[in-house]
N, C-alpha and C. Protein backbone atom coordinates (compact mmCIF):
# COMPACT_ATOMS: atom_id res chain seq x y z
N UNK A 1 -40.08 14.70 12.29
CA UNK A 1 -39.95 15.11 10.89
C UNK A 1 -38.50 14.96 10.44
N UNK A 2 -38.30 14.37 9.29
CA UNK A 2 -36.96 14.17 8.74
C UNK A 2 -36.52 15.47 8.08
N UNK A 3 -35.37 16.00 8.53
CA UNK A 3 -34.95 17.30 8.03
C UNK A 3 -33.62 17.29 7.31
N UNK A 4 -32.67 16.46 7.72
CA UNK A 4 -31.36 16.52 7.07
C UNK A 4 -31.38 15.76 5.74
N UNK A 5 -30.51 16.16 4.86
CA UNK A 5 -30.40 15.51 3.56
C UNK A 5 -30.07 14.02 3.73
N UNK A 6 -29.15 13.71 4.63
CA UNK A 6 -28.77 12.32 4.88
C UNK A 6 -29.97 11.50 5.31
N UNK A 7 -30.76 12.03 6.23
CA UNK A 7 -31.94 11.30 6.72
C UNK A 7 -32.97 11.08 5.62
N UNK A 8 -33.18 12.08 4.78
CA UNK A 8 -34.16 11.94 3.70
C UNK A 8 -33.71 10.92 2.66
N UNK A 9 -32.42 10.96 2.32
CA UNK A 9 -31.88 9.99 1.36
C UNK A 9 -31.96 8.58 1.95
N UNK A 10 -31.58 8.45 3.21
CA UNK A 10 -31.61 7.14 3.86
C UNK A 10 -33.03 6.57 3.87
N UNK A 11 -34.02 7.40 4.15
CA UNK A 11 -35.41 6.94 4.17
C UNK A 11 -35.84 6.41 2.80
N UNK A 12 -35.50 7.12 1.74
CA UNK A 12 -35.87 6.68 0.39
C UNK A 12 -35.17 5.36 0.07
N UNK A 13 -33.91 5.24 0.43
CA UNK A 13 -33.19 3.99 0.18
C UNK A 13 -33.85 2.85 0.94
N UNK A 14 -34.13 3.06 2.21
CA UNK A 14 -34.70 2.00 3.05
C UNK A 14 -36.10 1.57 2.59
N UNK A 15 -36.93 2.53 2.22
CA UNK A 15 -38.34 2.23 1.92
C UNK A 15 -38.63 1.93 0.46
N UNK A 16 -37.87 2.53 -0.46
CA UNK A 16 -38.21 2.40 -1.87
C UNK A 16 -37.19 1.67 -2.72
N UNK A 17 -35.92 1.75 -2.37
CA UNK A 17 -34.87 1.17 -3.21
C UNK A 17 -34.43 -0.20 -2.71
N UNK A 18 -34.06 -0.28 -1.44
CA UNK A 18 -33.55 -1.54 -0.89
C UNK A 18 -34.49 -2.73 -1.10
N UNK A 19 -35.80 -2.58 -0.86
CA UNK A 19 -36.68 -3.75 -1.04
C UNK A 19 -36.60 -4.38 -2.43
N UNK A 20 -36.46 -3.57 -3.46
CA UNK A 20 -36.36 -4.11 -4.82
C UNK A 20 -35.02 -4.80 -5.04
N UNK A 21 -33.95 -4.22 -4.51
CA UNK A 21 -32.63 -4.84 -4.67
C UNK A 21 -32.55 -6.15 -3.90
N UNK A 22 -33.09 -6.17 -2.69
CA UNK A 22 -33.08 -7.39 -1.88
C UNK A 22 -33.88 -8.50 -2.57
N UNK A 23 -34.98 -8.14 -3.19
CA UNK A 23 -35.80 -9.12 -3.92
C UNK A 23 -34.99 -9.83 -5.01
N UNK A 24 -34.03 -9.11 -5.58
CA UNK A 24 -33.20 -9.68 -6.64
C UNK A 24 -31.88 -10.24 -6.11
N UNK A 25 -31.73 -10.29 -4.78
CA UNK A 25 -30.52 -10.86 -4.18
C UNK A 25 -29.42 -9.87 -3.91
N UNK A 26 -29.71 -8.59 -4.10
CA UNK A 26 -28.71 -7.56 -3.87
C UNK A 26 -29.01 -6.75 -2.63
N UNK A 27 -28.25 -5.70 -2.44
CA UNK A 27 -28.47 -4.80 -1.32
C UNK A 27 -27.71 -3.51 -1.59
N UNK A 28 -27.95 -2.51 -0.76
CA UNK A 28 -27.32 -1.21 -0.92
C UNK A 28 -27.05 -0.63 0.46
N UNK A 29 -25.92 0.06 0.57
CA UNK A 29 -25.55 0.72 1.83
C UNK A 29 -25.25 2.18 1.53
N UNK A 30 -25.85 3.08 2.28
CA UNK A 30 -25.57 4.50 2.15
C UNK A 30 -24.26 4.79 2.88
N UNK A 31 -23.24 5.22 2.13
CA UNK A 31 -21.92 5.47 2.70
C UNK A 31 -21.82 6.92 3.17
N UNK A 32 -22.31 7.85 2.37
CA UNK A 32 -22.24 9.26 2.74
C UNK A 32 -22.74 10.15 1.62
N UNK A 33 -22.80 11.44 1.92
CA UNK A 33 -23.25 12.43 0.93
C UNK A 33 -22.31 13.62 1.03
N UNK A 34 -21.85 14.07 -0.12
CA UNK A 34 -20.97 15.24 -0.15
C UNK A 34 -21.33 16.11 -1.34
N UNK A 35 -21.73 17.34 -1.07
CA UNK A 35 -22.10 18.30 -2.11
C UNK A 35 -23.15 17.76 -3.09
N UNK A 36 -24.14 17.06 -2.56
CA UNK A 36 -25.21 16.53 -3.38
C UNK A 36 -24.90 15.22 -4.08
N UNK A 37 -23.69 14.72 -3.90
CA UNK A 37 -23.29 13.44 -4.49
C UNK A 37 -23.45 12.36 -3.43
N UNK A 38 -24.31 11.40 -3.72
CA UNK A 38 -24.60 10.31 -2.78
C UNK A 38 -23.67 9.14 -3.08
N UNK A 39 -22.93 8.71 -2.07
CA UNK A 39 -22.04 7.56 -2.21
C UNK A 39 -22.71 6.34 -1.59
N UNK A 40 -22.81 5.28 -2.40
CA UNK A 40 -23.44 4.05 -1.93
C UNK A 40 -22.51 2.88 -2.22
N UNK A 41 -22.74 1.80 -1.51
CA UNK A 41 -22.02 0.56 -1.75
C UNK A 41 -23.05 -0.49 -2.14
N UNK A 42 -22.89 -1.05 -3.33
CA UNK A 42 -23.78 -2.11 -3.78
C UNK A 42 -23.25 -3.43 -3.23
N UNK A 43 -24.16 -4.27 -2.75
CA UNK A 43 -23.77 -5.52 -2.10
C UNK A 43 -24.54 -6.69 -2.67
N UNK A 44 -24.16 -7.87 -2.23
CA UNK A 44 -24.85 -9.08 -2.65
C UNK A 44 -24.73 -9.27 -4.15
N UNK A 45 -25.82 -9.67 -4.78
CA UNK A 45 -25.82 -9.92 -6.22
C UNK A 45 -25.53 -8.66 -7.03
N UNK A 46 -25.75 -7.50 -6.44
CA UNK A 46 -25.50 -6.24 -7.15
C UNK A 46 -24.01 -5.95 -7.30
N UNK A 47 -23.21 -6.40 -6.34
CA UNK A 47 -21.77 -6.15 -6.38
C UNK A 47 -21.15 -6.95 -7.52
N UNK A 48 -20.58 -6.27 -8.46
CA UNK A 48 -19.95 -6.93 -9.58
C UNK A 48 -20.88 -7.34 -10.71
N UNK A 49 -22.15 -7.10 -10.57
CA UNK A 49 -23.11 -7.46 -11.62
C UNK A 49 -22.88 -6.56 -12.84
N UNK A 50 -22.90 -7.12 -14.05
CA UNK A 50 -22.71 -6.31 -15.25
C UNK A 50 -23.78 -5.22 -15.42
N UNK A 51 -24.93 -5.43 -14.83
CA UNK A 51 -26.02 -4.45 -14.95
C UNK A 51 -26.05 -3.46 -13.79
N UNK A 52 -25.07 -3.52 -12.90
CA UNK A 52 -25.11 -2.67 -11.71
C UNK A 52 -25.06 -1.17 -12.04
N UNK A 53 -24.31 -0.79 -13.06
CA UNK A 53 -24.25 0.63 -13.43
C UNK A 53 -25.60 1.11 -13.96
N UNK A 54 -26.26 0.26 -14.72
CA UNK A 54 -27.60 0.58 -15.21
C UNK A 54 -28.57 0.75 -14.04
N UNK A 55 -28.52 -0.18 -13.09
CA UNK A 55 -29.38 -0.12 -11.90
C UNK A 55 -29.08 1.13 -11.10
N UNK A 56 -27.80 1.44 -10.96
CA UNK A 56 -27.38 2.60 -10.18
C UNK A 56 -27.94 3.90 -10.76
N UNK A 57 -27.79 4.08 -12.05
CA UNK A 57 -28.22 5.33 -12.70
C UNK A 57 -29.72 5.38 -12.93
N UNK A 58 -30.26 4.33 -13.53
CA UNK A 58 -31.66 4.37 -13.96
C UNK A 58 -32.68 4.01 -12.89
N UNK A 59 -32.22 3.44 -11.79
CA UNK A 59 -33.15 3.14 -10.70
C UNK A 59 -32.79 3.91 -9.44
N UNK A 60 -31.59 3.68 -8.92
CA UNK A 60 -31.20 4.31 -7.65
C UNK A 60 -31.13 5.82 -7.80
N UNK A 61 -30.33 6.30 -8.74
CA UNK A 61 -30.16 7.74 -8.92
C UNK A 61 -31.48 8.41 -9.34
N UNK A 62 -32.20 7.81 -10.26
CA UNK A 62 -33.46 8.41 -10.72
C UNK A 62 -34.47 8.52 -9.58
N UNK A 63 -34.56 7.48 -8.76
CA UNK A 63 -35.50 7.50 -7.63
C UNK A 63 -35.10 8.56 -6.62
N UNK A 64 -33.82 8.61 -6.29
CA UNK A 64 -33.36 9.60 -5.31
C UNK A 64 -33.55 11.03 -5.81
N UNK A 65 -33.23 11.27 -7.08
CA UNK A 65 -33.40 12.62 -7.63
C UNK A 65 -34.87 13.05 -7.63
N UNK A 66 -35.75 12.11 -7.88
CA UNK A 66 -37.18 12.41 -7.90
C UNK A 66 -37.68 12.74 -6.50
N UNK A 67 -37.24 11.98 -5.52
CA UNK A 67 -37.73 12.13 -4.14
C UNK A 67 -36.98 13.19 -3.33
N UNK A 68 -35.70 13.38 -3.67
CA UNK A 68 -34.86 14.34 -2.93
C UNK A 68 -34.15 15.21 -3.97
N UNK A 69 -34.74 16.35 -4.33
CA UNK A 69 -34.20 17.18 -5.41
C UNK A 69 -32.77 17.67 -5.21
N UNK A 70 -32.28 17.68 -3.98
CA UNK A 70 -30.90 18.14 -3.73
C UNK A 70 -29.85 17.15 -4.22
N UNK A 71 -30.27 15.92 -4.51
CA UNK A 71 -29.34 14.90 -5.00
C UNK A 71 -28.95 15.23 -6.45
N UNK A 72 -27.63 15.33 -6.69
CA UNK A 72 -27.12 15.63 -8.02
C UNK A 72 -26.67 14.38 -8.76
N UNK A 73 -26.14 13.43 -8.00
CA UNK A 73 -25.56 12.23 -8.62
C UNK A 73 -25.46 11.14 -7.56
N UNK A 74 -25.44 9.89 -8.01
CA UNK A 74 -25.23 8.75 -7.12
C UNK A 74 -24.02 7.98 -7.66
N UNK A 75 -23.07 7.73 -6.77
CA UNK A 75 -21.82 7.06 -7.14
C UNK A 75 -21.64 5.82 -6.28
N UNK A 76 -21.26 4.72 -6.93
CA UNK A 76 -20.97 3.49 -6.19
C UNK A 76 -19.51 3.50 -5.77
N UNK A 77 -19.28 3.23 -4.50
CA UNK A 77 -17.91 3.10 -3.99
C UNK A 77 -17.61 1.62 -3.83
N UNK A 78 -16.37 1.28 -4.05
CA UNK A 78 -15.96 -0.12 -3.98
C UNK A 78 -15.63 -0.51 -2.55
N UNK A 79 -16.04 -1.69 -2.17
CA UNK A 79 -15.69 -2.24 -0.86
C UNK A 79 -14.37 -2.97 -1.02
N UNK A 80 -13.29 -2.36 -0.58
CA UNK A 80 -11.96 -2.93 -0.76
C UNK A 80 -11.82 -4.27 -0.05
N UNK A 81 -12.55 -4.46 1.06
CA UNK A 81 -12.49 -5.75 1.78
C UNK A 81 -13.01 -6.88 0.89
N UNK A 82 -14.11 -6.62 0.20
CA UNK A 82 -14.70 -7.64 -0.66
C UNK A 82 -13.79 -7.94 -1.84
N UNK A 83 -13.14 -6.92 -2.35
CA UNK A 83 -12.25 -7.11 -3.50
C UNK A 83 -11.12 -8.07 -3.19
N UNK A 84 -10.59 -7.98 -1.98
CA UNK A 84 -9.45 -8.80 -1.60
C UNK A 84 -9.84 -10.01 -0.76
N UNK A 85 -11.14 -10.24 -0.58
CA UNK A 85 -11.61 -11.42 0.14
C UNK A 85 -11.47 -11.33 1.65
N UNK A 86 -11.27 -10.14 2.18
CA UNK A 86 -11.13 -9.96 3.63
C UNK A 86 -12.51 -9.97 4.29
N UNK A 87 -12.54 -10.41 5.50
CA UNK A 87 -13.81 -10.44 6.25
C UNK A 87 -13.86 -9.27 7.22
N UNK A 88 -15.06 -8.78 7.43
CA UNK A 88 -15.27 -7.70 8.38
C UNK A 88 -15.12 -8.23 9.78
N UNK A 89 -14.29 -7.58 10.58
CA UNK A 89 -14.02 -8.03 11.94
C UNK A 89 -15.02 -7.46 12.93
N UNK A 90 -15.37 -6.20 12.78
CA UNK A 90 -16.30 -5.60 13.75
C UNK A 90 -17.50 -5.03 13.07
């Protein structure tokens, strides 16, 4: 049984949110949760997309709030490596 907030949020992202984003060429990574605020990193086509804020609030945040009532907000964090063109080493 999934009991922690992190595990419940991760399950919703994996099963309900990620498949739709991947279908459109994007992706999402759960970075962490602090005081009900879920931090995610948008990837692929979602990173830098002009509609990413709309997707974040009206799809990602709405879905998480519906499925996990403890979620207060969803915030996208920037991947500094991608911004500067650096590659992930490990």
